[in-house]
Amino acid sequence: MIIQSFWSKPFLSNSIDPNSRFKGGWLNEKYFYFSMALSCLKFKELYGEVNLYTDSKGEFIINKTLGIPYSNFINCFDNLETTNEKLWAFPKLYTYSAQKKPFIHADTDVYIWEKFPEELINSPLFCQNIEENFPIYSEALEEILTLFDWIPSELINSLYKHKKVLAFNAGIIGGTDLDFFKKLYSRSEKFINKNQHFFDKIDVGIFNMIYEQQLGYAIADKKDIKPKSLFNNIDSNFTPLVNFPLASFYTKYIHAIGFAKKSIYACEQIEALLMYEFPQEYEKVKFNGTTNFLWKDYYEISELRKRFLFSIFKYVRENTIDVVCNTKFQLNPTVKIFEDNNFSKIEYVSPQTLQKEQLNLEDWENILLYFQESISINELCLELLLDNDIAVKYTKESLTEKLLSFVFDKCLLHEILLPHF
C-alpha cells in the first residue's frame, strides 16, 4: 500500500526560514502542486492505489480544488492545529504509526519509473538510503545535546556505540515491523514535548531530521533491525537522486530533495514531465490552480521550449541506452566561445530566462570544447580514456555514465548542446 502525507499548516505559514516548509520549500506554490501530482500519478501507475493523509485544508486544496487523483483522502491532521508548524515531519510519524499493515510511505517530491524490489519492501524496515556523518546534522545536534532537558536513550547509545551520526533518509520508508513505527512516534513525541521551550534556541527545521531519521535509525539499532536501503553510498549532495536530465530512461528514481526545490531547472523538469506523461491531469491542475489563485504568476514553459523538451523525452523513451550513447551532439550554433582574462568561456542564451549567460570552461566544463564538431557520448568516452589520468580514475562504464549525465544536463536543461536525430 502506497501512502503519502500533507500537513497544510507549515505550507501555508509564511516564513523566511530556509528549513521551514512554507510553500513546501519550493520556488513557487505551483511546483509543490505539480510535484505532488506527478508523484501521485507515477505511484498510481505502478502500484494502483495511493492514499493521502492530510487535514481539512489540505483535502480542500488537493482534492476539491485541484483534483489531484488520490485514491483516498484520510483527514487526520486537524488535531495538530496547536502544533508548532516548524515540526513538519511530525505528521509523517503519526501517519507511519497509524498503519495496520505493511506500507510504503513516499514523500510527495519522489517520482519513480519502476517498482521497488520485493526484497526491499518486504523487509521489517526500509528507507531510501543510510546517512553517515552528514554535515547538516552536526551543528543542530550539538545544540540539542547541550540544551535539551531530555534526550532519548536510544539516540545517546547510538552515538556512543558507533562514534558517528547514523540516520536513514525517509524519502521512502516503510516495512513490516509496525511496532517500530509506533515506537518511533511515541519516542519522538516525548522528545518534542519535553523540550519545546528550547525551540527558539535551535534550528527546528533540522531538528525534524534528528527526531525522524536519526532517532529512527537509533531505535531500529536497539531493536536489532538493520534498515534495508534502496540506494547505497549516497553522499550528502544526493547527486544521483536529483539527476533530472536522466529521469525515466536511465534514472528510475528521483527525489527533489531540499535544494532542488529552489532550482528553476529542477522545477521546470517536474512541470515538463507532468505535462508530457500526464497531459490531461497537468491541464486540470494548472487550470484549477490558476483560476483559484493558488499561486502567483511565475516562469512559464514556452511552446518552443516545450517542443524541444518533448522531442528529447520522446527520443530517449523510444531508444535504448546504446542508441542514445551513439547519438551525436554538437554545440548550439548560438553558443559563442571566447577568451576573457586568459580564461576560456562560453556565452549561451538561457532557455528559461532568454538572457545571455556565461560559463567558465574549467574542469569538466572544458569537455564542451569537444562538441565544436558533432560527437557521440561513446566516441567521446573512448577518446577521453586515451588520457592516462582519466583511464586510471574511470572505467568505461563509469565514464560513460558521467558523460551521459553531463551531456543531458547541457542539452535538456541549458540547450548548450543539441542532439542530431
Protein backbone atom coordinates (compact mmCIF):
# COMPACT_ATOMS: atom_id res chain seq x y z
CA MET A 1 0.00 0.00 0.00
CA ILE A 2 1.35 3.41 -1.01
CA ILE A 3 0.68 6.33 1.33
CA GLN A 4 1.69 9.99 1.25
CA SER A 5 1.11 12.84 3.67
CA PHE A 6 0.47 16.57 3.52
CA TRP A 7 0.13 18.82 6.57
CA SER A 8 -1.14 22.18 5.30
CA LYS A 9 -0.12 24.28 8.31
CA PRO A 10 3.62 24.73 7.51
CA PHE A 11 2.83 25.00 3.80
CA LEU A 12 0.51 27.99 4.45
CA SER A 13 2.61 29.61 7.22
CA ASN A 14 4.65 32.46 5.75
CA SER A 15 8.27 32.03 6.82
CA ILE A 16 11.68 33.08 5.53
CA ASP A 17 13.37 30.23 7.41
CA PRO A 18 15.13 28.14 4.72
CA ASN A 19 14.33 24.97 6.70
CA SER A 20 10.64 25.75 7.08
CA ARG A 21 8.06 24.26 4.71
CA PHE A 22 6.35 27.47 3.58
CA LYS A 23 5.21 26.75 0.01
CA GLY A 24 6.55 23.26 0.66
CA GLY A 25 10.04 24.74 0.35
CA TRP A 26 9.55 25.34 -3.40
CA LEU A 27 10.31 28.38 -5.57
CA ASN A 28 6.60 28.82 -6.15
CA GLU A 29 3.49 27.07 -4.87
CA LYS A 30 2.66 25.69 -8.30
CA TYR A 31 5.75 23.48 -8.26
CA PHE A 32 4.62 21.90 -5.00
CA TYR A 33 1.29 21.01 -6.58
CA PHE A 34 2.85 19.82 -9.84
CA SER A 35 5.30 17.72 -7.82
CA MET A 36 2.51 16.19 -5.74
CA ALA A 37 0.51 15.41 -8.87
CA LEU A 38 3.49 13.83 -10.65
CA SER A 39 4.42 11.78 -7.59
CA CYS A 40 0.85 10.59 -7.02
CA LEU A 41 0.36 9.65 -10.66
CA LYS A 42 3.68 7.82 -11.04
CA PHE A 43 2.99 5.71 -7.94
CA LYS A 44 -0.59 5.04 -9.08
CA GLU A 45 0.72 4.00 -12.48
CA LEU A 46 2.89 1.30 -10.89
CA TYR A 47 1.03 0.37 -7.69
CA GLY A 48 -2.62 1.25 -8.32
CA GLU A 49 -3.78 2.73 -5.02
CA VAL A 50 -2.22 5.81 -3.40
CA ASN A 51 -3.78 7.33 -0.26
CA LEU A 52 -3.12 10.80 1.12
CA TYR A 53 -3.10 11.58 4.86
CA THR A 54 -3.89 15.24 5.38
CA ASP A 55 -6.12 17.78 7.18
CA SER A 56 -9.31 19.62 6.23
CA LYS A 57 -7.50 22.48 4.49
CA GLY A 58 -5.22 20.06 2.70
CA GLU A 59 -8.11 17.96 1.45
CA PHE A 60 -9.94 21.09 0.29
CA ILE A 61 -6.92 22.26 -1.73
CA ILE A 62 -5.66 18.93 -3.10
CA ASN A 63 -8.95 17.13 -3.66
CA LYS A 64 -11.79 19.61 -4.02
CA THR A 65 -9.88 22.49 -5.64
CA LEU A 66 -7.09 20.92 -7.69
CA GLY A 67 -8.50 17.43 -8.21
CA ILE A 68 -5.20 15.56 -7.78
CA PRO A 69 -6.46 11.98 -8.09
CA TYR A 70 -5.52 10.24 -4.86
CA SER A 71 -7.43 7.00 -4.26
CA ASN A 72 -8.50 8.08 -0.77
CA PHE A 73 -8.08 11.12 1.46
CA ILE A 74 -7.63 10.39 5.17
CA ASN A 75 -8.35 13.57 7.11
CA CYS A 76 -6.46 13.11 10.40
CA PHE A 77 -4.18 16.12 11.00
CA ASP A 78 -6.77 18.66 12.21
CA ASN A 79 -5.86 17.86 15.82
CA LEU A 80 -2.36 19.26 15.12
CA GLU A 81 -3.61 22.85 14.85
CA THR A 82 -1.70 23.86 18.01
CA THR A 83 1.49 22.01 16.95
CA ASN A 84 4.46 24.19 16.00
CA GLU A 85 4.36 24.49 12.21
CA LYS A 86 8.13 24.04 12.06
CA LEU A 87 7.69 20.41 13.15
CA TRP A 88 6.79 19.41 9.62
CA ALA A 89 7.99 15.80 9.97
CA PHE A 90 5.76 15.03 12.97
CA PRO A 91 2.56 14.30 10.97
CA LYS A 92 4.58 11.83 8.89
CA LEU A 93 5.46 9.90 12.06
CA TYR A 94 1.79 9.88 13.05
CA THR A 95 0.95 8.53 9.60
CA TYR A 96 3.51 5.73 9.90
CA SER A 97 2.22 4.78 13.35
CA ALA A 98 -1.41 4.64 12.20
CA GLN A 99 -0.80 1.85 9.69
CA LYS A 100 -2.36 -1.56 10.29
CA LYS A 101 -0.47 -3.44 7.59
CA PRO A 102 2.89 -3.15 5.79
CA PHE A 103 3.19 0.04 3.78
CA ILE A 104 5.34 2.27 1.61
CA HIS A 105 5.33 5.97 2.51
CA ALA A 106 6.74 8.23 -0.20
CA ASP A 107 7.38 11.94 0.05
CA THR A 108 5.44 13.98 -2.49
CA ASP A 109 8.71 15.03 -4.15
CA VAL A 110 9.66 11.43 -5.06
CA TYR A 111 9.00 10.14 -8.60
CA ILE A 112 9.56 6.60 -9.83
CA TRP A 113 9.65 4.82 -13.19
CA GLU A 114 9.87 1.24 -11.91
CA LYS A 115 8.62 -0.74 -8.92
CA PHE A 116 10.80 -1.23 -5.87
CA PRO A 117 12.45 -4.65 -5.34
CA GLU A 118 10.20 -7.07 -3.45
CA GLU A 119 13.00 -7.98 -1.02
CA LEU A 120 13.21 -4.30 -0.08
CA ILE A 121 9.53 -3.63 0.61
CA ASN A 122 9.00 -6.98 2.36
CA SER A 123 11.73 -6.26 4.91
CA PRO A 124 10.95 -5.16 8.52
CA LEU A 125 12.23 -1.64 7.79
CA PHE A 126 13.41 0.01 4.60
CA CYS A 127 14.41 3.52 3.58
CA GLN A 128 15.83 5.50 0.68
CA ASN A 129 19.44 5.45 1.89
CA ILE A 130 21.59 5.48 5.02
CA GLU A 131 23.20 8.78 6.01
CA GLU A 132 26.56 8.66 7.77
CA ASN A 133 28.04 11.81 9.33
CA PHE A 134 26.10 14.11 7.02
CA PRO A 135 27.18 17.68 7.93
CA ILE A 136 23.63 19.01 8.24
CA TYR A 137 23.08 17.10 11.50
CA SER A 138 26.20 18.20 13.35
CA GLU A 139 25.53 21.80 14.44
CA ALA A 140 21.90 21.21 15.42
CA LEU A 141 22.81 18.01 17.24
CA GLU A 142 25.49 19.81 19.26
CA GLU A 143 22.94 22.44 20.36
CA ILE A 144 20.41 19.76 21.27
CA LEU A 145 22.88 17.73 23.32
CA THR A 146 23.88 20.90 25.18
CA LEU A 147 20.45 22.47 25.77
CA PHE A 148 17.73 19.84 25.90
CA ASP A 149 16.32 18.56 29.18
CA TRP A 150 15.59 15.10 27.87
CA ILE A 151 17.11 13.10 25.02
CA PRO A 152 16.01 9.57 24.10
CA SER A 153 18.43 6.98 25.42
CA GLU A 154 18.46 5.27 22.02
CA LEU A 155 19.98 8.39 20.45
CA ILE A 156 22.71 8.68 23.10
CA ASN A 157 23.51 4.97 22.94
CA SER A 158 23.77 5.02 19.15
CA LEU A 159 26.22 7.94 19.23
CA TYR A 160 28.28 6.19 21.92
CA LYS A 161 28.21 2.82 20.15
CA HIS A 162 29.03 3.95 16.62
CA LYS A 163 31.07 7.11 17.36
CA LYS A 164 29.35 8.77 14.41
CA VAL A 165 25.96 10.12 13.34
CA LEU A 166 23.86 7.49 11.58
CA ALA A 167 20.41 8.14 10.16
CA PHE A 168 18.14 6.89 7.42
CA ASN A 169 16.66 9.09 4.72
CA ALA A 170 12.87 8.77 4.69
CA GLY A 171 12.25 9.89 1.11
CA ILE A 172 10.67 6.47 1.00
CA ILE A 173 10.15 4.48 4.17
CA GLY A 174 8.07 1.53 5.31
CA GLY A 175 8.21 -2.12 6.16
CA THR A 176 6.53 -4.94 8.00
CA ASP A 177 7.57 -4.09 11.59
CA LEU A 178 4.65 -1.85 12.52
CA ASP A 179 5.69 -1.82 16.20
CA PHE A 180 8.85 0.02 15.19
CA PHE A 181 6.83 2.88 13.73
CA LYS A 182 4.64 3.12 16.82
CA LYS A 183 7.77 3.29 18.97
CA LEU A 184 9.30 5.98 16.75
CA TYR A 185 6.16 8.09 17.02
CA SER A 186 5.91 7.81 20.83
CA ARG A 187 9.60 8.49 21.45
CA SER A 188 9.63 11.45 19.05
CA GLU A 189 6.51 12.90 20.66
CA LYS A 190 8.19 12.76 24.07
CA PHE A 191 11.42 14.19 22.62
CA ILE A 192 9.43 17.15 21.28
CA ASN A 193 7.16 17.74 24.27
CA LYS A 194 9.96 17.66 26.83
CA ASN A 195 11.99 20.30 25.01
CA GLN A 196 9.62 22.72 23.28
CA HIS A 197 10.78 25.61 25.48
CA PHE A 198 14.18 25.43 23.75
CA PHE A 199 12.88 25.68 20.19
CA ASP A 200 13.74 29.38 19.94
CA LYS A 201 17.40 28.46 20.52
CA ILE A 202 17.79 25.73 17.89
CA ASP A 203 17.17 25.17 14.19
CA VAL A 204 13.84 23.38 14.44
CA GLY A 205 13.93 22.64 10.71
CA ILE A 206 16.99 20.44 11.17
CA PHE A 207 15.56 19.02 14.40
CA ASN A 208 12.92 17.33 12.22
CA MET A 209 15.65 15.23 10.64
CA ILE A 210 17.05 14.31 14.05
CA TYR A 211 13.78 13.12 15.63
CA GLU A 212 12.61 11.33 12.49
CA GLN A 213 15.70 9.99 10.74
CA GLN A 214 18.49 9.85 13.31
CA LEU A 215 16.30 8.74 16.20
CA GLY A 216 14.57 6.29 13.85
CA TYR A 217 17.89 4.67 12.99
CA ALA A 218 18.83 4.53 16.69
CA ILE A 219 15.55 2.85 17.67
CA ALA A 220 16.00 0.31 14.88
CA ASP A 221 19.53 -0.32 16.08
CA LYS A 222 18.30 -1.02 19.60
CA LYS A 223 15.72 -3.47 18.19
CA ASP A 224 18.48 -5.17 16.14
CA ILE A 225 16.79 -4.11 12.92
CA LYS A 226 19.14 -3.21 10.09
CA PRO A 227 17.22 -0.95 7.69
CA LYS A 228 17.39 -2.04 4.08
CA SER A 229 18.09 0.85 1.73
CA LEU A 230 17.14 1.37 -1.89
CA PHE A 231 20.48 3.08 -2.56
CA ASN A 232 23.97 2.65 -1.14
CA ASN A 233 26.86 5.10 -0.96
CA ILE A 234 24.79 8.25 -1.35
CA ASP A 235 26.70 11.35 -0.23
CA SER A 236 25.25 14.49 1.31
CA ASN A 237 24.84 16.12 -2.13
CA PHE A 238 22.37 13.39 -3.18
CA THR A 239 23.69 13.79 -6.74
CA PRO A 240 22.35 10.51 -8.23
CA LEU A 241 18.88 11.16 -6.76
CA VAL A 242 18.39 14.63 -8.27
CA ASN A 243 19.59 13.72 -11.76
CA PHE A 244 16.57 15.10 -13.61
CA PRO A 245 18.25 15.07 -17.05
CA LEU A 246 18.36 11.25 -16.95
CA ALA A 247 14.91 10.75 -15.42
CA SER A 248 12.83 7.87 -16.81
CA PHE A 249 15.25 6.37 -19.32
CA TYR A 250 18.32 5.89 -17.10
CA THR A 251 17.46 7.11 -13.62
CA LYS A 252 14.30 5.40 -12.38
CA TYR A 253 14.02 7.25 -9.05
CA ILE A 254 14.18 10.98 -8.43
CA HIS A 255 13.88 12.77 -5.09
CA ALA A 256 13.67 16.57 -5.38
CA ILE A 257 15.40 16.95 -2.06
CA GLY A 258 15.93 20.31 -0.31
CA PHE A 259 17.99 22.44 -2.65
CA ALA A 260 16.37 21.00 -5.79
CA LYS A 261 13.11 22.70 -4.83
CA LYS A 262 14.83 26.07 -5.22
CA SER A 263 16.30 25.21 -8.63
CA ILE A 264 14.43 26.54 -11.66
CA TYR A 265 15.97 23.69 -13.67
CA ALA A 266 14.51 21.01 -11.38
CA CYS A 267 11.17 22.83 -11.13
CA GLU A 268 10.93 23.18 -14.90
CA GLN A 269 11.66 19.47 -15.38
CA ILE A 270 8.97 18.45 -12.90
CA GLU A 271 6.39 20.57 -14.70
CA ALA A 272 7.55 19.32 -18.10
CA LEU A 273 7.46 15.66 -17.01
CA LEU A 274 3.93 16.07 -15.66
CA MET A 275 2.95 17.87 -18.86
CA TYR A 276 4.45 15.13 -21.05
CA GLU A 277 3.43 11.99 -19.15
CA PHE A 278 0.01 13.10 -17.87
CA PRO A 279 -1.16 15.95 -20.12
CA GLN A 280 -4.83 15.89 -19.07
CA GLU A 281 -4.00 15.86 -15.36
CA TYR A 282 -1.48 18.65 -15.91
CA GLU A 283 -4.01 20.86 -17.67
CA LYS A 284 -6.60 20.18 -14.95
CA VAL A 285 -4.26 21.03 -12.07
CA LYS A 286 -2.93 24.11 -13.86
CA PHE A 287 -6.41 25.39 -14.75
CA ASN A 288 -7.80 24.77 -11.25
CA GLY A 289 -4.75 26.32 -9.60
CA THR A 290 -4.70 29.48 -11.69
CA THR A 291 -8.46 30.08 -11.65
CA ASN A 292 -8.49 29.66 -7.86
CA PHE A 293 -5.41 31.90 -7.41
CA LEU A 294 -3.39 29.21 -5.63
CA TRP A 295 -0.14 30.69 -6.89
CA LYS A 296 1.30 33.89 -8.26
CA ASP A 297 2.45 34.17 -11.86
CA TYR A 298 5.85 32.63 -12.38
CA TYR A 299 8.02 31.23 -15.15
CA GLU A 300 6.00 29.55 -17.91
CA ILE A 301 7.40 26.96 -20.30
CA SER A 302 7.10 28.44 -23.80
CA GLU A 303 5.69 26.45 -26.70
CA LEU A 304 9.14 26.40 -28.33
CA ARG A 305 10.79 25.12 -25.15
CA LYS A 306 8.03 22.54 -24.71
CA ARG A 307 8.59 21.17 -28.24
CA PHE A 308 12.31 20.86 -27.58
CA LEU A 309 11.85 19.08 -24.23
CA PHE A 310 9.17 16.76 -25.61
CA SER A 311 11.38 15.79 -28.55
CA ILE A 312 14.10 14.71 -26.11
CA PHE A 313 11.64 12.92 -23.83
CA LYS A 314 10.22 11.01 -26.81
CA TYR A 315 13.62 10.05 -28.22
CA VAL A 316 15.09 8.67 -25.00
CA ARG A 317 11.92 6.68 -24.25
CA GLU A 318 11.83 5.10 -27.71
CA ASN A 319 15.51 4.12 -27.91
CA THR A 320 17.94 2.00 -25.93
CA ILE A 321 20.78 3.45 -23.88
CA ASP A 322 23.20 2.17 -26.52
CA VAL A 323 21.41 4.13 -29.21
CA VAL A 324 21.32 7.24 -27.03
CA CYS A 325 25.07 6.94 -26.30
CA ASN A 326 25.78 6.64 -30.03
CA THR A 327 23.70 9.74 -30.84
CA LYS A 328 25.82 12.71 -31.84
CA PHE A 329 25.60 16.06 -30.06
CA GLN A 330 27.04 19.44 -31.02
CA LEU A 331 27.25 22.92 -29.57
CA ASN A 332 24.17 25.02 -30.23
CA PRO A 333 25.05 27.37 -33.14
CA THR A 334 24.13 30.34 -30.94
CA VAL A 335 26.87 29.43 -28.41
CA LYS A 336 29.98 31.60 -28.55
CA ILE A 337 33.41 30.57 -27.26
CA PHE A 338 35.75 33.39 -26.24
CA GLU A 339 38.72 34.28 -24.06
CA ASP A 340 38.42 36.63 -21.09
CA ASN A 341 41.46 37.39 -18.92
CA ASN A 342 43.13 34.18 -20.08
CA PHE A 343 40.03 32.14 -19.23
CA SER A 344 38.03 30.28 -21.85
CA LYS A 345 34.32 30.91 -21.58
CA ILE A 346 31.14 30.22 -23.48
CA GLU A 347 28.17 32.50 -23.87
CA TYR A 348 24.74 31.00 -24.41
CA VAL A 349 21.09 32.01 -24.17
CA SER A 350 19.31 30.53 -21.15
CA PRO A 351 16.12 28.76 -22.31
CA GLN A 352 14.45 29.73 -19.01
CA THR A 353 15.26 33.46 -18.87
CA LEU A 354 16.08 34.06 -22.58
CA GLN A 355 19.00 36.11 -21.31
CA LYS A 356 22.65 35.67 -22.26
CA GLU A 357 24.67 33.76 -19.66
CA GLN A 358 28.33 32.83 -19.42
CA LEU A 359 30.05 29.68 -18.28
CA ASN A 360 33.72 29.30 -17.41
CA LEU A 361 35.32 26.37 -19.20
CA GLU A 362 37.04 24.88 -16.16
CA ASP A 363 37.46 21.25 -15.11
CA TRP A 364 34.67 19.15 -16.63
CA GLU A 365 33.15 22.13 -18.44
CA ASN A 366 36.19 22.02 -20.75
CA ILE A 367 34.65 18.93 -22.31
CA LEU A 368 32.24 21.24 -24.12
CA LEU A 369 35.10 22.12 -26.47
CA TYR A 370 34.93 18.61 -27.93
CA PHE A 371 31.42 19.42 -29.16
CA GLN A 372 32.53 22.08 -31.61
CA GLU A 373 32.17 19.16 -34.01
CA SER A 374 29.41 16.59 -33.63
CA ILE A 375 30.43 13.69 -31.42
CA SER A 376 28.63 10.93 -29.53
CA ILE A 377 28.99 10.01 -25.88
CA ASN A 378 30.60 6.70 -26.82
CA GLU A 379 33.08 8.37 -29.17
CA LEU A 380 33.97 10.96 -26.57
CA CYS A 381 34.36 8.29 -23.90
CA LEU A 382 36.90 6.33 -25.99
CA GLU A 383 38.82 9.50 -26.78
CA LEU A 384 38.98 10.61 -23.13
CA LEU A 385 40.14 7.18 -21.98
CA LEU A 386 43.31 7.68 -24.02
CA ASP A 387 44.30 10.15 -21.28
CA ASN A 388 46.12 8.14 -18.59
CA ASP A 389 44.85 10.36 -15.76
CA ILE A 390 41.27 9.69 -16.78
CA ALA A 391 41.86 6.00 -17.53
CA VAL A 392 43.21 5.47 -14.01
CA LYS A 393 40.21 7.13 -12.40
CA TYR A 394 37.32 5.80 -14.54
CA THR A 395 36.21 2.58 -16.12
CA LYS A 396 34.49 2.78 -19.49
CA GLU A 397 31.13 2.21 -17.76
CA SER A 398 31.62 4.86 -15.06
CA LEU A 399 32.92 7.43 -17.55
CA THR A 400 30.02 6.75 -19.91
CA GLU A 401 27.57 7.34 -17.05
CA LYS A 402 29.29 10.61 -16.09
CA LEU A 403 29.29 11.81 -19.70
CA LEU A 404 25.65 10.82 -20.14
CA SER A 405 24.72 12.97 -17.16
CA PHE A 406 26.93 15.85 -18.34
CA VAL A 407 25.62 15.84 -21.91
CA PHE A 408 21.95 15.68 -20.96
CA ASP A 409 22.43 18.40 -18.35
CA LYS A 410 23.88 20.70 -21.00
CA CYS A 411 21.25 19.65 -23.53
CA LEU A 412 17.99 19.25 -21.63
CA LEU A 413 18.47 21.97 -19.01
CA HIS A 414 20.52 24.59 -20.85
CA GLU A 415 20.31 23.87 -24.62
CA ILE A 416 24.04 24.41 -24.87
CA LEU A 417 24.27 21.07 -26.68
CA LEU A 418 21.83 19.91 -29.31
CA PRO A 419 21.28 16.32 -30.46
CA HIS A 420 21.45 15.13 -34.05
CA PHE A 421 18.39 12.96 -34.53
